[in-house]
């Protein structure tokens, strides 16, 4: 995966997930201050192509919207590879 794209995605994901947790607190089992820890775990899962990543969550949707990509696993992985 493209390290620059990974970092860009991660920065936007922290912001997007924090906004999503604030807007939809009942959809998440954690609070906004916990977002950086969650993002670190999720980025690890994405790098490992884990099956437990919810690519359709509010946080991913906001992140992808900000990056101008679809919020599907296929589109996210293509973006992270630099395709």
Protein backbone atom coordinates (compact mmCIF):
# COMPACT_ATOMS: atom_id res chain seq x y z
CA UNK A 1 0.00 0.00 0.00
CA UNK A 2 1.04 3.56 -0.62
CA UNK A 3 2.33 4.99 2.68
CA UNK A 4 1.41 8.57 1.76
CA UNK A 5 -2.16 7.51 0.96
CA UNK A 6 -2.36 5.49 4.17
CA UNK A 7 -1.33 8.51 6.21
CA UNK A 8 -3.75 10.80 4.36
CA UNK A 9 -6.56 8.32 4.89
CA UNK A 10 -5.70 7.94 8.57
CA UNK A 11 -5.73 11.70 9.20
CA UNK A 12 -9.10 12.03 7.49
CA UNK A 13 -10.42 8.93 9.25
CA UNK A 14 -9.62 10.35 12.69
CA UNK A 15 -11.57 13.48 11.81
CA UNK A 16 -14.41 11.64 10.09
CA UNK A 17 -14.81 9.06 12.83
CA UNK A 18 -14.74 11.69 15.56
CA UNK A 19 -17.48 13.62 13.74
CA UNK A 20 -19.48 10.42 13.26
CA UNK A 21 -19.21 9.45 16.94
CA UNK A 22 -20.40 12.89 17.97
CA UNK A 23 -23.29 12.87 15.47
CA UNK A 24 -24.32 9.23 16.05
CA UNK A 25 -23.24 8.29 19.59
CA UNK A 26 -25.68 5.39 19.83
CA UNK A 27 -24.01 3.68 16.85
CA UNK A 28 -20.60 3.43 18.58
CA UNK A 29 -19.32 1.63 21.66
CA UNK A 30 -16.74 4.33 22.36
CA UNK A 31 -16.55 8.11 22.76
CA UNK A 32 -14.85 10.81 20.69
CA UNK A 33 -11.73 10.94 22.92
CA UNK A 34 -11.17 7.22 22.21
CA UNK A 35 -11.19 7.68 18.43
CA UNK A 36 -7.38 7.81 17.91
CA UNK A 37 -6.98 4.40 19.58
CA UNK A 38 -9.81 2.93 17.50
CA UNK A 39 -8.36 4.40 14.29
CA UNK A 40 -4.95 2.88 15.04
CA UNK A 41 -6.58 -0.55 15.42
CA UNK A 42 -8.65 -0.09 12.27
CA UNK A 43 -5.66 1.04 10.20
CA UNK A 44 -3.81 -2.09 11.33
CA UNK A 45 -6.81 -4.20 10.29
CA UNK A 46 -6.96 -2.47 6.91
CA UNK A 47 -3.24 -3.07 6.32
CA UNK A 48 -3.75 -6.74 7.17
CA UNK A 49 -6.86 -6.96 4.95
CA UNK A 50 -8.88 -8.18 7.93
CA UNK A 51 -12.50 -9.18 7.49
CA UNK A 52 -13.76 -7.35 10.59
CA UNK A 53 -13.63 -3.85 9.07
CA UNK A 54 -17.01 -2.17 8.64
CA UNK A 55 -16.40 -0.16 5.49
CA UNK A 56 -19.97 1.17 5.48
CA UNK A 57 -19.89 2.87 8.91
CA UNK A 58 -20.63 6.57 9.33
CA UNK A 59 -16.94 7.20 9.99
CA UNK A 60 -15.82 5.53 6.77
CA UNK A 61 -18.56 7.29 4.82
CA UNK A 62 -17.42 10.71 6.03
CA UNK A 63 -13.77 9.87 5.43
CA UNK A 64 -14.41 8.68 1.90
CA UNK A 65 -16.62 11.66 1.11
CA UNK A 66 -13.82 14.00 2.19
CA UNK A 67 -11.33 12.08 0.03
CA UNK A 68 -13.70 11.92 -2.95
CA UNK A 69 -13.89 8.12 -3.12
CA UNK A 70 -16.67 5.56 -2.71
CA UNK A 71 -17.08 4.04 0.75
CA UNK A 72 -16.62 0.47 -0.41
CA UNK A 73 -13.80 -1.87 0.54
CA UNK A 74 -12.77 -2.12 -3.10
CA UNK A 75 -12.58 1.67 -3.57
CA UNK A 76 -10.79 2.23 -0.27
CA UNK A 77 -8.16 -0.44 -0.98
CA UNK A 78 -7.65 0.89 -4.52
CA UNK A 79 -7.15 4.38 -3.09
CA UNK A 80 -4.70 3.13 -0.47
CA UNK A 81 -2.71 1.27 -3.11
CA UNK A 82 -2.59 4.37 -5.27
CA UNK A 83 -4.50 2.74 -8.16
